[in-house]
Amino acid sequence: MAKNVSFAGRVFRWIRNLVVVFFVFTIAWTLLAGFIPVLLTPLMVIRSVEAVTEGRSPKNSKDWVSIEHISPHLVQAVIASEDNLFMEHNGFSLDDMKKAWEHNKKGKRIRGGSTISQQTAKNVFLWNKRSYVRKGLEAYFTVLIELFWSKKRIMEVYLNVIEMGDGIYGAQAAAMEYFGKDASELTRRQAAAIAVCLPNPRKYTPVNPSSYIRRRTASIVSLMDKLPAPDFIKEGK
């Protein structure tokens, strides 16, 4: 019996230490990512491996820029397209998740219910394949970035790491690839065209867009006029 108790105690201590290491590591990782440019993400690695296994040369077009060098139009466009309540919620939008659930039950085009904060957590720390484990970790990292990062930092990271095309990551790379200009120079319509392609950036393109993308772009441009600009844009924070 003593041996069993001793073994159980060792297992408990091992699990406890593992949990402590997990929390210390992930919190430290989140704090560090809140201050330095995020130049590599799991998705970038996954896409490169996929390219190699398919016999293609990996493409990783990215160029980190501060949010001050990204057009405010693009900030407004992604909020209008992806997360209308970005400045109001604490990382999760139960209303959007409910709407996505109801929509997807009808068997139509799959709609995600993730906020920009959730997408940022997934893009920076996790992989892209859907699973309950990933969604659980995504929720955990979303809580961390909402706790330790400002909304401005979340948006800055989001716009620098989000996949915006095949091998294209971030606003600067997308602006140069599609329009031959810096991200700071994007017009309202160009910003909206990029934003509406984000749900499936390897299928849709803002250049020579389909009729669906053109309609969505016009809709987002109209919605941008109705949404208040984030404080960090209005106040230059």
C-alpha atoms as a PDB file:
ATOM      1  CA  MET A   1       0.000   0.000   0.000  1.00  0.00           C
ATOM      2  CA  ALA A   2       2.861   2.381   0.846  1.00  0.00           C
ATOM      3  CA  LYS A   3       4.386   1.781  -2.548  1.00  0.00           C
ATOM      4  CA  ASN A   4       1.056   2.544  -4.229  1.00  0.00           C
ATOM      5  CA  VAL A   5       0.694   5.791  -2.287  1.00  0.00           C
ATOM      6  CA  SER A   6       4.261   6.735  -3.111  1.00  0.00           C
ATOM      7  CA  PHE A   7       3.695   6.031  -6.793  1.00  0.00           C
ATOM      8  CA  ALA A   8       0.457   8.006  -6.761  1.00  0.00           C
ATOM      9  CA  GLY A   9       2.274  10.877  -5.074  1.00  0.00           C
ATOM     10  CA  ARG A  10       4.984  10.891  -7.718  1.00  0.00           C
ATOM     11  CA  VAL A  11       2.386  10.913 -10.482  1.00  0.00           C
ATOM     12  CA  PHE A  12       0.545  13.782  -8.809  1.00  0.00           C
ATOM     13  CA  ARG A  13       3.756  15.803  -8.439  1.00  0.00           C
ATOM     14  CA  TRP A  14       4.706  15.102 -12.072  1.00  0.00           C
ATOM     15  CA  ILE A  15       1.308  16.300 -13.294  1.00  0.00           C
ATOM     16  CA  ARG A  16       1.432  19.321 -10.994  1.00  0.00           C
ATOM     17  CA  ASN A  17       4.894  20.283 -12.251  1.00  0.00           C
ATOM     18  CA  LEU A  18       3.785  19.809 -15.855  1.00  0.00           C
ATOM     19  CA  VAL A  19       0.815  22.123 -15.307  1.00  0.00           C
ATOM     20  CA  VAL A  20       3.024  24.739 -13.648  1.00  0.00           C
ATOM     21  CA  VAL A  21       5.527  24.588 -16.519  1.00  0.00           C
ATOM     22  CA  PHE A  22       2.686  24.916 -19.052  1.00  0.00           C
ATOM     23  CA  PHE A  23       1.280  28.042 -17.400  1.00  0.00           C
ATOM     24  CA  VAL A  24       4.695  29.642 -16.873  1.00  0.00           C
ATOM     25  CA  PHE A  25       5.774  28.945 -20.459  1.00  0.00           C
ATOM     26  CA  THR A  26       2.552  30.093 -22.136  1.00  0.00           C
ATOM     27  CA  ILE A  27       2.256  33.245 -20.034  1.00  0.00           C
ATOM     28  CA  ALA A  28       5.893  34.142 -20.687  1.00  0.00           C
ATOM     29  CA  TRP A  29       5.403  33.444 -24.413  1.00  0.00           C
ATOM     30  CA  THR A  30       2.331  35.675 -24.508  1.00  0.00           C
ATOM     31  CA  LEU A  31       4.079  38.504 -22.663  1.00  0.00           C
ATOM     32  CA  LEU A  32       7.072  38.314 -25.014  1.00  0.00           C
ATOM     33  CA  ALA A  33       4.859  38.296 -28.120  1.00  0.00           C
ATOM     34  CA  GLY A  34       3.203  41.428 -26.780  1.00  0.00           C
ATOM     35  CA  PHE A  35       6.387  43.427 -27.282  1.00  0.00           C
ATOM     36  CA  ILE A  36       8.402  41.960 -30.157  1.00  0.00           C
ATOM     37  CA  PRO A  37       7.447  41.414 -33.815  1.00  0.00           C
ATOM     38  CA  VAL A  38       5.925  37.991 -34.468  1.00  0.00           C
ATOM     39  CA  LEU A  39       7.957  36.867 -37.464  1.00  0.00           C
ATOM     40  CA  LEU A  40       7.091  33.159 -37.542  1.00  0.00           C
ATOM     41  CA  THR A  41       3.875  31.319 -36.746  1.00  0.00           C
ATOM     42  CA  PRO A  42       2.878  27.633 -36.744  1.00  0.00           C
ATOM     43  CA  LEU A  43       0.724  28.203 -39.849  1.00  0.00           C
ATOM     44  CA  MET A  44       3.692  29.590 -41.785  1.00  0.00           C
ATOM     45  CA  VAL A  45       5.652  26.454 -40.941  1.00  0.00           C
ATOM     46  CA  ILE A  46       2.718  24.191 -41.824  1.00  0.00           C
ATOM     47  CA  ARG A  47       2.188  25.903 -45.191  1.00  0.00           C
ATOM     48  CA  SER A  48       5.904  25.584 -45.994  1.00  0.00           C
ATOM     49  CA  VAL A  49       5.881  21.871 -45.161  1.00  0.00           C
ATOM     50  CA  GLU A  50       2.756  21.390 -47.279  1.00  0.00           C
ATOM     51  CA  ALA A  51       4.461  23.106 -50.206  1.00  0.00           C
ATOM     52  CA  VAL A  52       7.556  20.913 -49.919  1.00  0.00           C
ATOM     53  CA  THR A  53       5.515  17.695 -49.713  1.00  0.00           C
ATOM     54  CA  GLU A  54       3.622  18.803 -52.827  1.00  0.00           C
ATOM     55  CA  GLY A  55       6.862  19.444 -54.694  1.00  0.00           C
ATOM     56  CA  ARG A  56       6.562  23.227 -54.625  1.00  0.00           C
ATOM     57  CA  SER A  57       8.957  25.846 -53.347  1.00  0.00           C
ATOM     58  CA  PRO A  58       7.682  27.361 -50.084  1.00  0.00           C
ATOM     59  CA  LYS A  59       6.577  30.974 -50.308  1.00  0.00           C
ATOM     60  CA  ASN A  60       6.638  33.149 -47.206  1.00  0.00           C
ATOM     61  CA  SER A  61       6.005  36.743 -48.177  1.00  0.00           C
ATOM     62  CA  LYS A  62       5.821  38.841 -45.033  1.00  0.00           C
ATOM     63  CA  ASP A  63       7.083  42.187 -43.782  1.00  0.00           C
ATOM     64  CA  TRP A  64       6.298  43.297 -40.240  1.00  0.00           C
ATOM     65  CA  VAL A  65       5.188  46.922 -39.944  1.00  0.00           C
ATOM     66  CA  SER A  66       3.826  48.848 -36.975  1.00  0.00           C
ATOM     67  CA  ILE A  67       0.128  49.643 -36.948  1.00  0.00           C
ATOM     68  CA  GLU A  68       1.013  53.299 -37.553  1.00  0.00           C
ATOM     69  CA  HIS A  69       2.194  52.182 -41.008  1.00  0.00           C
ATOM     70  CA  ILE A  70      -1.018  50.326 -41.830  1.00  0.00           C
ATOM     71  CA  SER A  71      -3.926  52.182 -43.385  1.00  0.00           C
ATOM     72  CA  PRO A  72      -6.720  52.944 -40.898  1.00  0.00           C
ATOM     73  CA  HIS A  73      -9.036  51.822 -43.696  1.00  0.00           C
ATOM     74  CA  LEU A  74      -7.737  48.257 -43.299  1.00  0.00           C
ATOM     75  CA  VAL A  75      -8.307  48.349 -39.540  1.00  0.00           C
ATOM     76  CA  GLN A  76     -11.879  49.488 -40.144  1.00  0.00           C
ATOM     77  CA  ALA A  77     -12.374  46.957 -42.926  1.00  0.00           C
ATOM     78  CA  VAL A  78     -11.344  43.901 -40.895  1.00  0.00           C
ATOM     79  CA  ILE A  79     -13.493  45.037 -37.975  1.00  0.00           C
ATOM     80  CA  ALA A  80     -16.463  45.503 -40.316  1.00  0.00           C
ATOM     81  CA  SER A  81     -15.860  42.172 -42.003  1.00  0.00           C
ATOM     82  CA  GLU A  82     -14.637  39.957 -39.168  1.00  0.00           C
ATOM     83  CA  ASP A  83     -15.612  41.374 -35.793  1.00  0.00           C
ATOM     84  CA  ASN A  84     -17.950  44.349 -35.417  1.00  0.00           C
ATOM     85  CA  LEU A  85     -17.665  44.292 -31.626  1.00  0.00           C
ATOM     86  CA  PHE A  86     -13.871  44.055 -31.475  1.00  0.00           C
ATOM     87  CA  MET A  87     -13.490  47.135 -29.271  1.00  0.00           C
ATOM     88  CA  GLU A  88     -16.319  46.116 -26.936  1.00  0.00           C
ATOM     89  CA  HIS A  89     -15.872  42.412 -26.142  1.00  0.00           C
ATOM     90  CA  ASN A  90     -13.253  40.729 -23.967  1.00  0.00           C
ATOM     91  CA  GLY A  91     -12.185  38.255 -26.605  1.00  0.00           C
ATOM     92  CA  PHE A  92     -15.397  36.331 -27.239  1.00  0.00           C
ATOM     93  CA  SER A  93     -18.687  37.183 -28.877  1.00  0.00           C
ATOM     94  CA  LEU A  94     -21.406  34.752 -27.817  1.00  0.00           C
ATOM     95  CA  ASP A  95     -23.861  36.408 -30.187  1.00  0.00           C
ATOM     96  CA  ASP A  96     -21.589  35.833 -33.212  1.00  0.00           C
ATOM     97  CA  MET A  97     -20.912  32.233 -32.166  1.00  0.00           C
ATOM     98  CA  LYS A  98     -24.643  31.591 -31.888  1.00  0.00           C
ATOM     99  CA  LYS A  99     -25.290  33.125 -35.306  1.00  0.00           C
ATOM    100  CA  ALA A 100     -22.499  31.031 -36.843  1.00  0.00           C
ATOM    101  CA  TRP A 101     -23.904  27.878 -35.232  1.00  0.00           C
ATOM    102  CA  GLU A 102     -27.414  28.554 -36.567  1.00  0.00           C
ATOM    103  CA  HIS A 103     -26.054  29.417 -40.015  1.00  0.00           C
ATOM    104  CA  ASN A 104     -23.861  26.324 -40.260  1.00  0.00           C
ATOM    105  CA  LYS A 105     -26.679  24.002 -39.171  1.00  0.00           C
ATOM    106  CA  LYS A 106     -28.471  24.955 -42.383  1.00  0.00           C
ATOM    107  CA  GLY A 107     -25.628  23.472 -44.413  1.00  0.00           C
ATOM    108  CA  LYS A 108     -24.721  26.706 -46.153  1.00  0.00           C
ATOM    109  CA  ARG A 109     -21.241  28.134 -46.659  1.00  0.00           C
ATOM    110  CA  ILE A 110     -19.437  27.547 -43.331  1.00  0.00           C
ATOM    111  CA  ARG A 111     -19.248  30.705 -41.264  1.00  0.00           C
ATOM    112  CA  GLY A 112     -16.836  31.132 -38.377  1.00  0.00           C
ATOM    113  CA  GLY A 113     -17.820  32.749 -35.112  1.00  0.00           C
ATOM    114  CA  SER A 114     -14.318  33.643 -33.988  1.00  0.00           C
ATOM    115  CA  THR A 115     -13.430  37.166 -32.984  1.00  0.00           C
ATOM    116  CA  ILE A 116     -10.279  38.929 -34.142  1.00  0.00           C
ATOM    117  CA  SER A 117      -8.798  38.161 -30.729  1.00  0.00           C
ATOM    118  CA  GLN A 118      -9.503  34.440 -31.155  1.00  0.00           C
ATOM    119  CA  GLN A 119      -8.069  34.452 -34.679  1.00  0.00           C
ATOM    120  CA  THR A 120      -4.956  36.223 -33.426  1.00  0.00           C
ATOM    121  CA  ALA A 121      -4.511  33.661 -30.639  1.00  0.00           C
ATOM    122  CA  LYS A 122      -4.857  30.824 -33.138  1.00  0.00           C
ATOM    123  CA  ASN A 123      -2.547  32.374 -35.726  1.00  0.00           C
ATOM    124  CA  VAL A 124       0.247  33.218 -33.288  1.00  0.00           C
ATOM    125  CA  PHE A 125       0.253  30.198 -30.988  1.00  0.00           C
ATOM    126  CA  LEU A 126      -1.598  27.296 -32.610  1.00  0.00           C
ATOM    127  CA  TRP A 127      -2.244  25.257 -35.719  1.00  0.00           C
ATOM    128  CA  ASN A 128      -5.064  25.670 -38.261  1.00  0.00           C
ATOM    129  CA  LYS A 129      -6.724  22.228 -38.172  1.00  0.00           C
ATOM    130  CA  ARG A 130     -10.005  22.295 -36.261  1.00  0.00           C
ATOM    131  CA  SER A 131     -10.341  20.155 -33.140  1.00  0.00           C
ATOM    132  CA  TYR A 132     -11.728  20.456 -29.624  1.00  0.00           C
ATOM    133  CA  VAL A 133      -8.192  20.546 -28.242  1.00  0.00           C
ATOM    134  CA  ARG A 134      -7.237  23.456 -30.483  1.00  0.00           C
ATOM    135  CA  LYS A 135     -10.430  25.339 -29.686  1.00  0.00           C
ATOM    136  CA  GLY A 136      -9.771  24.887 -25.980  1.00  0.00           C
ATOM    137  CA  LEU A 137      -6.214  26.171 -26.293  1.00  0.00           C
ATOM    138  CA  GLU A 138      -7.452  28.974 -28.530  1.00  0.00           C
ATOM    139  CA  ALA A 139      -9.840  30.089 -25.791  1.00  0.00           C
ATOM    140  CA  TYR A 140      -7.023  29.963 -23.242  1.00  0.00           C
ATOM    141  CA  PHE A 141      -4.634  32.057 -25.353  1.00  0.00           C
ATOM    142  CA  THR A 142      -7.456  34.463 -26.190  1.00  0.00           C
ATOM    143  CA  VAL A 143      -7.925  35.124 -22.477  1.00  0.00           C
ATOM    144  CA  LEU A 144      -4.165  35.696 -22.132  1.00  0.00           C
ATOM    145  CA  ILE A 145      -3.836  38.197 -24.969  1.00  0.00           C
ATOM    146  CA  GLU A 146      -6.935  40.087 -23.864  1.00  0.00           C
ATOM    147  CA  LEU A 147      -5.438  40.218 -20.379  1.00  0.00           C
ATOM    148  CA  PHE A 148      -1.862  41.206 -21.286  1.00  0.00           C
ATOM    149  CA  TRP A 149      -2.168  42.990 -24.640  1.00  0.00           C
ATOM    150  CA  SER A 150      -4.001  46.167 -25.586  1.00  0.00           C
ATOM    151  CA  LYS A 151      -6.601  46.156 -28.357  1.00  0.00           C
ATOM    152  CA  LYS A 152      -4.116  48.107 -30.429  1.00  0.00           C
ATOM    153  CA  ARG A 153      -1.489  45.381 -30.016  1.00  0.00           C
ATOM    154  CA  ILE A 154      -3.971  42.616 -30.820  1.00  0.00           C
ATOM    155  CA  MET A 155      -4.923  44.412 -34.034  1.00  0.00           C
ATOM    156  CA  GLU A 156      -1.284  45.103 -34.901  1.00  0.00           C
ATOM    157  CA  VAL A 157      -0.310  41.455 -34.519  1.00  0.00           C
ATOM    158  CA  TYR A 158      -3.430  40.272 -36.337  1.00  0.00           C
ATOM    159  CA  LEU A 159      -2.740  42.479 -39.345  1.00  0.00           C
ATOM    160  CA  ASN A 160       0.872  41.327 -39.500  1.00  0.00           C
ATOM    161  CA  VAL A 161       0.454  37.553 -39.251  1.00  0.00           C
ATOM    162  CA  ILE A 162      -2.946  36.798 -40.790  1.00  0.00           C
ATOM    163  CA  GLU A 163      -2.814  34.710 -43.972  1.00  0.00           C
ATOM    164  CA  MET A 164      -3.851  36.956 -46.864  1.00  0.00           C
ATOM    165  CA  GLY A 165      -3.081  34.694 -49.791  1.00  0.00           C
ATOM    166  CA  ASP A 166      -1.028  31.667 -50.763  1.00  0.00           C
ATOM    167  CA  GLY A 167       2.243  32.281 -48.920  1.00  0.00           C
ATOM    168  CA  ILE A 168       1.263  35.889 -48.185  1.00  0.00           C
ATOM    169  CA  TYR A 169       1.123  36.989 -44.552  1.00  0.00           C
ATOM    170  CA  GLY A 170       0.233  40.382 -43.209  1.00  0.00           C
ATOM    171  CA  ALA A 171      -0.959  43.716 -44.512  1.00  0.00           C
ATOM    172  CA  GLN A 172       2.322  44.964 -45.967  1.00  0.00           C
ATOM    173  CA  ALA A 173       2.978  41.822 -48.001  1.00  0.00           C
ATOM    174  CA  ALA A 174      -0.634  41.750 -49.238  1.00  0.00           C
ATOM    175  CA  ALA A 175      -0.625  45.433 -50.203  1.00  0.00           C
ATOM    176  CA  MET A 176       2.586  45.009 -52.201  1.00  0.00           C
ATOM    177  CA  GLU A 177       1.490  41.707 -53.774  1.00  0.00           C
ATOM    178  CA  TYR A 178      -1.971  42.817 -54.867  1.00  0.00           C
ATOM    179  CA  PHE A 179      -1.709  46.570 -55.348  1.00  0.00           C
ATOM    180  CA  GLY A 180       2.004  47.396 -55.542  1.00  0.00           C
ATOM    181  CA  LYS A 181       1.878  49.861 -52.662  1.00  0.00           C
ATOM    182  CA  ASP A 182       2.620  50.078 -48.955  1.00  0.00           C
ATOM    183  CA  ALA A 183      -0.032  49.014 -46.460  1.00  0.00           C
ATOM    184  CA  SER A 184      -0.277  52.636 -45.294  1.00  0.00           C
ATOM    185  CA  GLU A 185      -1.498  53.673 -48.763  1.00  0.00           C
ATOM    186  CA  LEU A 186      -4.425  51.270 -49.148  1.00  0.00           C
ATOM    187  CA  THR A 187      -7.685  52.915 -50.170  1.00  0.00           C
ATOM    188  CA  ARG A 188     -11.018  52.114 -48.556  1.00  0.00           C
ATOM    189  CA  ARG A 189     -12.078  49.788 -51.365  1.00  0.00           C
ATOM    190  CA  GLN A 190      -8.699  48.041 -51.546  1.00  0.00           C
ATOM    191  CA  ALA A 191      -8.748  47.509 -47.775  1.00  0.00           C
ATOM    192  CA  ALA A 192     -12.286  46.149 -47.921  1.00  0.00           C
ATOM    193  CA  ALA A 193     -11.368  43.831 -50.810  1.00  0.00           C
ATOM    194  CA  ILE A 194      -8.504  42.345 -48.753  1.00  0.00           C
ATOM    195  CA  ALA A 195     -10.699  41.998 -45.673  1.00  0.00           C
ATOM    196  CA  VAL A 196     -13.512  40.098 -47.372  1.00  0.00           C
ATOM    197  CA  CYS A 197     -11.040  37.497 -48.673  1.00  0.00           C
ATOM    198  CA  LEU A 198      -9.720  36.642 -45.189  1.00  0.00           C
ATOM    199  CA  PRO A 199     -12.125  33.752 -44.478  1.00  0.00           C
ATOM    200  CA  ASN A 200     -10.558  31.849 -47.389  1.00  0.00           C
ATOM    201  CA  PRO A 201      -7.534  33.807 -48.664  1.00  0.00           C
ATOM    202  CA  ARG A 202      -6.164  30.983 -50.805  1.00  0.00           C
ATOM    203  CA  LYS A 203      -9.437  30.722 -52.720  1.00  0.00           C
ATOM    204  CA  TYR A 204     -10.470  34.364 -53.014  1.00  0.00           C
ATOM    205  CA  THR A 205      -8.375  37.265 -54.257  1.00  0.00           C
ATOM    206  CA  PRO A 206      -8.878  41.036 -54.139  1.00  0.00           C
ATOM    207  CA  VAL A 207      -7.404  41.262 -57.645  1.00  0.00           C
ATOM    208  CA  ASN A 208      -9.860  40.381 -60.437  1.00  0.00           C
ATOM    209  CA  PRO A 209     -12.449  39.433 -57.789  1.00  0.00           C
ATOM    210  CA  SER A 210     -15.482  37.233 -58.328  1.00  0.00           C
ATOM    211  CA  SER A 211     -18.970  38.732 -58.293  1.00  0.00           C
ATOM    212  CA  TYR A 212     -19.368  37.458 -54.725  1.00  0.00           C
ATOM    213  CA  ILE A 213     -16.220  39.287 -53.572  1.00  0.00           C
ATOM    214  CA  ARG A 214     -17.310  42.467 -55.370  1.00  0.00           C
ATOM    215  CA  ARG A 215     -20.691  42.402 -53.621  1.00  0.00           C
ATOM    216  CA  ARG A 216     -19.102  41.709 -50.241  1.00  0.00           C
ATOM    217  CA  THR A 217     -16.553  44.477 -50.790  1.00  0.00           C
ATOM    218  CA  ALA A 218     -19.288  47.010 -51.489  1.00  0.00           C
ATOM    219  CA  SER A 219     -21.161  45.837 -48.411  1.00  0.00           C
ATOM    220  CA  ILE A 220     -18.082  46.200 -46.190  1.00  0.00           C
ATOM    221  CA  VAL A 221     -17.285  49.680 -47.544  1.00  0.00           C
ATOM    222  CA  SER A 222     -20.834  50.715 -46.634  1.00  0.00           C
ATOM    223  CA  LEU A 223     -20.535  49.191 -43.151  1.00  0.00           C
ATOM    224  CA  MET A 224     -17.200  50.929 -42.546  1.00  0.00           C
ATOM    225  CA  ASP A 225     -19.019  54.267 -42.715  1.00  0.00           C
ATOM    226  CA  LYS A 226     -21.364  53.223 -39.914  1.00  0.00           C
ATOM    227  CA  LEU A 227     -18.852  51.817 -37.427  1.00  0.00           C
ATOM    228  CA  PRO A 228     -16.992  54.117 -35.025  1.00  0.00           C
ATOM    229  CA  ALA A 229     -13.235  54.142 -35.470  1.00  0.00           C
ATOM    230  CA  PRO A 230     -11.248  52.428 -32.679  1.00  0.00           C
ATOM    231  CA  ASP A 231      -9.869  54.776 -30.047  1.00  0.00           C
ATOM    232  CA  PHE A 232      -6.273  53.976 -30.958  1.00  0.00           C
ATOM    233  CA  ILE A 233      -6.947  55.285 -34.460  1.00  0.00           C
ATOM    234  CA  LYS A 234      -8.907  58.362 -33.440  1.00  0.00           C
ATOM    235  CA  GLU A 235      -6.453  59.332 -30.735  1.00  0.00           C
ATOM    236  CA  GLY A 236      -3.329  58.187 -32.503  1.00  0.00           C
ATOM    237  CA  LYS A 237      -2.409  55.798 -29.714  1.00  0.00           C
END
